[in-house]
Amino acid sequence: TVAYDSEKAALDEYAPLIASLNRAPSVKMRALLLAVSRLNPQGMTLELVSASPAEDGLRCRIEGVINARDYSGAQALYDRMIASVDGAGGLTLASHALTLSDMKFFVEADYR
């Protein structure tokens, strides 16, 4: 029926997330989420926080927008976020980038 197909399509959006959660050991996932909660996103709007299985652990990706009035303010907020990865416990920075033209950033970190 149309109602069933509509409901199934809405739920299918969550299938990749559920599949990755099912593949990851729950203890590591809880510990990763705790480490991510220790990051310093002050002055930022986080748009995506995702986790996927990686070598011997999990890879976390965070995407967002920096809410700053100028480029130097954006860079300072971004640098603080990157520095907070080291202090988050268990996270190792894998890659990161800031695009000043639209103030968007991403951070990828491994949790083992």
N, C-alpha and C. Protein backbone atom coordinates (compact mmCIF):
# COMPACT_ATOMS: atom_id res chain seq x y z
N THR A 1 0.84 -1.19 0.00
CA THR A 1 0.00 0.00 0.00
C THR A 1 0.88 1.25 0.00
N VAL A 2 0.25 2.36 -0.27
CA VAL A 2 0.97 3.63 -0.31
C VAL A 2 1.47 4.01 1.08
N ALA A 3 0.64 3.80 2.10
CA ALA A 3 1.05 4.13 3.47
C ALA A 3 2.26 3.31 3.91
N TYR A 4 2.25 2.02 3.59
CA TYR A 4 3.37 1.15 3.93
C TYR A 4 4.65 1.61 3.23
N ASP A 5 4.56 1.87 1.93
CA ASP A 5 5.73 2.30 1.16
C ASP A 5 6.28 3.62 1.70
N SER A 6 5.42 4.52 2.08
CA SER A 6 5.84 5.80 2.64
C SER A 6 6.56 5.61 3.97
N GLU A 7 5.99 4.79 4.83
CA GLU A 7 6.60 4.51 6.14
C GLU A 7 7.94 3.78 5.96
N LYS A 8 7.99 2.83 5.04
CA LYS A 8 9.23 2.09 4.79
C LYS A 8 10.32 3.02 4.27
N ALA A 9 9.98 3.91 3.38
CA ALA A 9 10.95 4.86 2.84
C ALA A 9 11.50 5.77 3.94
N ALA A 10 10.64 6.19 4.85
CA ALA A 10 11.09 7.03 5.97
C ALA A 10 12.05 6.27 6.87
N LEU A 11 11.76 5.01 7.14
CA LEU A 11 12.61 4.20 8.02
C LEU A 11 13.90 3.76 7.34
N ASP A 12 13.87 3.61 6.02
CA ASP A 12 15.07 3.20 5.29
C ASP A 12 16.22 4.21 5.42
N GLU A 13 15.89 5.47 5.74
CA GLU A 13 16.93 6.48 5.95
C GLU A 13 17.86 6.09 7.09
N TYR A 14 17.33 5.38 8.06
CA TYR A 14 18.10 5.02 9.25
C TYR A 14 18.85 3.69 9.11
N ALA A 15 18.64 2.99 8.03
CA ALA A 15 19.26 1.67 7.85
C ALA A 15 20.79 1.71 7.91
N PRO A 16 21.49 2.66 7.25
CA PRO A 16 22.95 2.68 7.35
C PRO A 16 23.44 2.90 8.78
N LEU A 17 22.80 3.79 9.51
CA LEU A 17 23.19 4.04 10.90
C LEU A 17 22.99 2.79 11.74
N ILE A 18 21.86 2.14 11.60
CA ILE A 18 21.57 0.94 12.38
C ILE A 18 22.56 -0.17 12.02
N ALA A 19 22.88 -0.30 10.75
CA ALA A 19 23.84 -1.33 10.32
C ALA A 19 25.21 -1.08 10.93
N SER A 20 25.66 0.18 10.95
CA SER A 20 26.99 0.45 11.53
C SER A 20 26.98 0.25 13.03
N LEU A 21 25.89 0.60 13.69
CA LEU A 21 25.80 0.36 15.13
C LEU A 21 25.81 -1.13 15.43
N ASN A 22 25.16 -1.91 14.59
CA ASN A 22 25.14 -3.36 14.80
C ASN A 22 26.50 -4.00 14.58
N ARG A 23 27.33 -3.41 13.71
CA ARG A 23 28.67 -3.94 13.45
C ARG A 23 29.66 -3.55 14.54
N ALA A 24 29.45 -2.44 15.19
CA ALA A 24 30.40 -1.94 16.18
C ALA A 24 30.09 -2.53 17.55
N PRO A 25 31.13 -2.93 18.27
CA PRO A 25 30.90 -3.40 19.63
C PRO A 25 30.29 -2.27 20.47
N SER A 26 29.26 -2.58 21.22
CA SER A 26 28.53 -1.55 21.95
C SER A 26 29.41 -0.85 22.98
N VAL A 27 30.35 -1.55 23.59
CA VAL A 27 31.22 -0.92 24.58
C VAL A 27 32.06 0.16 23.92
N LYS A 28 32.62 -0.14 22.74
CA LYS A 28 33.41 0.87 22.03
C LYS A 28 32.55 2.04 21.58
N MET A 29 31.32 1.76 21.17
CA MET A 29 30.45 2.85 20.72
C MET A 29 30.14 3.79 21.89
N ARG A 30 29.83 3.23 23.05
CA ARG A 30 29.56 4.09 24.22
C ARG A 30 30.79 4.91 24.57
N ALA A 31 31.96 4.29 24.56
CA ALA A 31 33.19 5.00 24.89
C ALA A 31 33.48 6.10 23.86
N LEU A 32 33.22 5.82 22.58
CA LEU A 32 33.41 6.82 21.54
C LEU A 32 32.49 8.01 21.77
N LEU A 33 31.23 7.74 22.05
CA LEU A 33 30.28 8.83 22.29
C LEU A 33 30.69 9.67 23.50
N LEU A 34 31.21 9.02 24.52
CA LEU A 34 31.70 9.75 25.69
C LEU A 34 32.88 10.64 25.30
N ALA A 35 33.81 10.12 24.50
CA ALA A 35 34.96 10.91 24.04
C ALA A 35 34.49 12.10 23.20
N VAL A 36 33.53 11.88 22.32
CA VAL A 36 33.02 12.97 21.47
C VAL A 36 32.35 14.04 22.33
N SER A 37 31.71 13.64 23.41
CA SER A 37 31.05 14.62 24.28
C SER A 37 32.06 15.53 24.97
N ARG A 38 33.33 15.13 25.01
CA ARG A 38 34.37 15.94 25.63
C ARG A 38 34.97 16.98 24.68
N LEU A 39 34.62 16.93 23.41
CA LEU A 39 35.13 17.91 22.46
C LEU A 39 34.57 19.29 22.77
N ASN A 40 35.24 20.31 22.28
CA ASN A 40 34.82 21.69 22.55
C ASN A 40 34.23 22.32 21.28
N PRO A 41 32.92 22.19 21.07
CA PRO A 41 32.31 22.77 19.87
C PRO A 41 31.74 24.18 20.10
N GLN A 42 32.23 24.88 21.11
CA GLN A 42 31.72 26.21 21.41
C GLN A 42 31.87 27.11 20.19
N GLY A 43 30.82 27.83 19.85
CA GLY A 43 30.85 28.71 18.69
C GLY A 43 30.65 28.00 17.37
N MET A 44 30.20 26.74 17.44
CA MET A 44 30.01 25.95 16.23
C MET A 44 28.61 25.34 16.22
N THR A 45 28.12 25.08 15.06
CA THR A 45 26.89 24.31 14.90
C THR A 45 27.29 22.98 14.28
N LEU A 46 27.11 21.90 15.03
CA LEU A 46 27.44 20.58 14.51
C LEU A 46 26.28 20.09 13.64
N GLU A 47 26.59 19.71 12.43
CA GLU A 47 25.57 19.26 11.49
C GLU A 47 25.55 17.75 11.34
N LEU A 48 26.69 17.09 11.61
CA LEU A 48 26.77 15.65 11.45
C LEU A 48 27.81 15.10 12.41
N VAL A 49 27.43 14.05 13.11
CA VAL A 49 28.37 13.26 13.89
C VAL A 49 28.09 11.82 13.50
N SER A 50 29.07 11.16 12.89
CA SER A 50 28.85 9.79 12.45
C SER A 50 30.00 8.91 12.91
N ALA A 51 29.73 7.63 12.99
CA ALA A 51 30.75 6.65 13.37
C ALA A 51 30.63 5.46 12.43
N SER A 52 31.77 4.93 12.05
CA SER A 52 31.79 3.76 11.18
C SER A 52 32.93 2.85 11.61
N PRO A 53 32.79 1.56 11.36
CA PRO A 53 33.88 0.63 11.72
C PRO A 53 35.15 0.99 10.95
N ALA A 54 36.27 0.88 11.65
CA ALA A 54 37.58 1.12 11.04
C ALA A 54 38.54 0.09 11.61
N GLU A 55 39.76 0.12 11.15
CA GLU A 55 40.78 -0.82 11.62
C GLU A 55 40.84 -0.84 13.14
N ASP A 56 40.56 -1.96 13.76
CA ASP A 56 40.67 -2.13 15.21
C ASP A 56 39.89 -1.10 16.02
N GLY A 57 38.83 -0.54 15.48
CA GLY A 57 38.08 0.44 16.25
C GLY A 57 37.01 1.11 15.43
N LEU A 58 36.82 2.39 15.68
CA LEU A 58 35.79 3.17 15.01
C LEU A 58 36.37 4.46 14.47
N ARG A 59 35.82 4.93 13.36
CA ARG A 59 36.19 6.23 12.80
C ARG A 59 34.99 7.15 13.01
N CYS A 60 35.27 8.28 13.60
CA CYS A 60 34.23 9.28 13.87
C CYS A 60 34.43 10.46 12.93
N ARG A 61 33.36 10.95 12.36
CA ARG A 61 33.41 12.13 11.49
C ARG A 61 32.45 13.17 12.04
N ILE A 62 32.94 14.37 12.19
CA ILE A 62 32.14 15.48 12.67
C ILE A 62 32.19 16.57 11.62
N GLU A 63 31.02 17.05 11.23
CA GLU A 63 30.95 18.15 10.27
C GLU A 63 30.12 19.26 10.87
N GLY A 64 30.44 20.49 10.52
CA GLY A 64 29.67 21.60 11.06
C GLY A 64 30.04 22.92 10.44
N VAL A 65 29.48 23.96 11.04
CA VAL A 65 29.70 25.33 10.59
C VAL A 65 30.17 26.14 11.79
N ILE A 66 31.16 26.97 11.57
CA ILE A 66 31.67 27.83 12.63
C ILE A 66 30.90 29.15 12.59
N ASN A 67 30.43 29.56 13.74
CA ASN A 67 29.65 30.79 13.87
C ASN A 67 30.58 31.91 14.35
N ALA A 68 31.31 32.49 13.42
CA ALA A 68 32.25 33.55 13.75
C ALA A 68 32.02 34.74 12.83
N ARG A 69 32.42 35.91 13.29
CA ARG A 69 32.21 37.13 12.50
C ARG A 69 33.32 37.37 11.48
N ASP A 70 34.49 36.78 11.74
CA ASP A 70 35.61 37.03 10.82
C ASP A 70 36.47 35.76 10.73
N TYR A 71 37.42 35.80 9.81
CA TYR A 71 38.25 34.63 9.55
C TYR A 71 39.14 34.28 10.74
N SER A 72 39.67 35.28 11.42
CA SER A 72 40.56 34.98 12.55
C SER A 72 39.77 34.35 13.69
N GLY A 73 38.54 34.79 13.91
CA GLY A 73 37.70 34.17 14.93
C GLY A 73 37.35 32.74 14.57
N ALA A 74 37.09 32.50 13.30
CA ALA A 74 36.78 31.15 12.83
C ALA A 74 37.98 30.23 13.02
N GLN A 75 39.16 30.73 12.67
CA GLN A 75 40.37 29.93 12.81
C GLN A 75 40.64 29.60 14.28
N ALA A 76 40.42 30.55 15.18
CA ALA A 76 40.64 30.31 16.61
C ALA A 76 39.68 29.25 17.15
N LEU A 77 38.41 29.32 16.77
CA LEU A 77 37.43 28.32 17.21
C LEU A 77 37.78 26.94 16.65
N TYR A 78 38.19 26.91 15.40
CA TYR A 78 38.57 25.65 14.76
C TYR A 78 39.80 25.04 15.44
N ASP A 79 40.81 25.88 15.70
CA ASP A 79 42.01 25.38 16.37
C ASP A 79 41.69 24.82 17.75
N ARG A 80 40.77 25.46 18.46
CA ARG A 80 40.37 24.96 19.79
C ARG A 80 39.68 23.61 19.67
N MET A 81 38.85 23.45 18.65
CA MET A 81 38.16 22.17 18.44
C MET A 81 39.17 21.07 18.14
N ILE A 82 40.13 21.36 17.26
CA ILE A 82 41.15 20.37 16.90
C ILE A 82 41.97 20.00 18.13
N ALA A 83 42.35 20.98 18.94
CA ALA A 83 43.13 20.71 20.15
C ALA A 83 42.34 19.87 21.14
N SER A 84 41.03 20.02 21.16
CA SER A 84 40.21 19.27 22.11
C SER A 84 40.13 17.78 21.75
N VAL A 85 40.46 17.42 20.51
CA VAL A 85 40.46 16.01 20.12
C VAL A 85 41.50 15.25 20.93
N ASP A 86 42.68 15.84 21.10
CA ASP A 86 43.74 15.17 21.87
C ASP A 86 43.35 14.96 23.33
N GLY A 87 42.58 15.87 23.88
CA GLY A 87 42.19 15.76 25.27
C GLY A 87 40.91 14.99 25.51
N ALA A 88 40.33 14.46 24.44
CA ALA A 88 39.03 13.79 24.56
C ALA A 88 39.14 12.38 25.11
N GLY A 89 40.31 11.79 25.09
CA GLY A 89 40.50 10.44 25.61
C GLY A 89 40.15 9.37 24.60
N GLY A 90 41.18 8.77 24.03
CA GLY A 90 40.98 7.66 23.10
C GLY A 90 40.86 8.06 21.65
N LEU A 91 40.72 9.34 21.35
CA LEU A 91 40.59 9.79 19.96
C LEU A 91 41.96 10.17 19.40
N THR A 92 42.21 9.76 18.16
CA THR A 92 43.41 10.14 17.44
C THR A 92 42.98 10.83 16.16
N LEU A 93 43.43 12.05 15.98
CA LEU A 93 43.06 12.84 14.82
C LEU A 93 43.54 12.16 13.55
N ALA A 94 42.64 11.94 12.60
CA ALA A 94 42.98 11.30 11.33
C ALA A 94 43.09 12.33 10.22
N SER A 95 42.11 13.22 10.12
CA SER A 95 42.14 14.29 9.12
C SER A 95 41.17 15.38 9.53
N HIS A 96 41.38 16.56 8.98
CA HIS A 96 40.51 17.68 9.29
C HIS A 96 40.71 18.78 8.26
N ALA A 97 39.70 19.63 8.13
CA ALA A 97 39.80 20.76 7.20
C ALA A 97 38.78 21.82 7.57
N LEU A 98 39.15 23.05 7.29
CA LEU A 98 38.27 24.20 7.47
C LEU A 98 38.24 24.96 6.15
N THR A 99 37.05 25.25 5.67
CA THR A 99 36.89 26.06 4.46
C THR A 99 36.39 27.43 4.90
N LEU A 100 37.25 28.42 4.83
CA LEU A 100 36.90 29.74 5.34
C LEU A 100 35.82 30.44 4.51
N SER A 101 35.70 30.11 3.24
CA SER A 101 34.71 30.79 2.39
C SER A 101 33.28 30.57 2.88
N ASP A 102 33.00 29.37 3.42
CA ASP A 102 31.66 29.11 3.94
C ASP A 102 31.66 28.72 5.42
N MET A 103 32.84 28.78 6.05
CA MET A 103 33.01 28.48 7.48
C MET A 103 32.66 27.05 7.85
N LYS A 104 32.68 26.14 6.88
CA LYS A 104 32.38 24.73 7.15
C LYS A 104 33.66 23.98 7.48
N PHE A 105 33.52 22.97 8.32
CA PHE A 105 34.67 22.18 8.71
C PHE A 105 34.29 20.72 8.83
N PHE A 106 35.31 19.88 8.83
CA PHE A 106 35.12 18.48 9.20
C PHE A 106 36.32 18.02 10.00
N VAL A 107 36.08 17.06 10.85
CA VAL A 107 37.12 16.43 11.66
C VAL A 107 36.87 14.94 11.60
N GLU A 108 37.91 14.16 11.31
CA GLU A 108 37.82 12.71 11.39
C GLU A 108 38.83 12.24 12.43
N ALA A 109 38.36 11.38 13.32
CA ALA A 109 39.24 10.86 14.37
C ALA A 109 38.96 9.37 14.54
N ASP A 110 40.02 8.65 14.90
CA ASP A 110 39.90 7.21 15.14
C ASP A 110 39.81 6.97 16.63
N TYR A 111 38.97 6.02 17.00
CA TYR A 111 38.84 5.59 18.39
C TYR A 111 39.23 4.12 18.45
N ARG A 112 40.21 3.82 19.31
CA ARG A 112 40.65 2.42 19.45
C ARG A 112 40.65 2.03 20.89
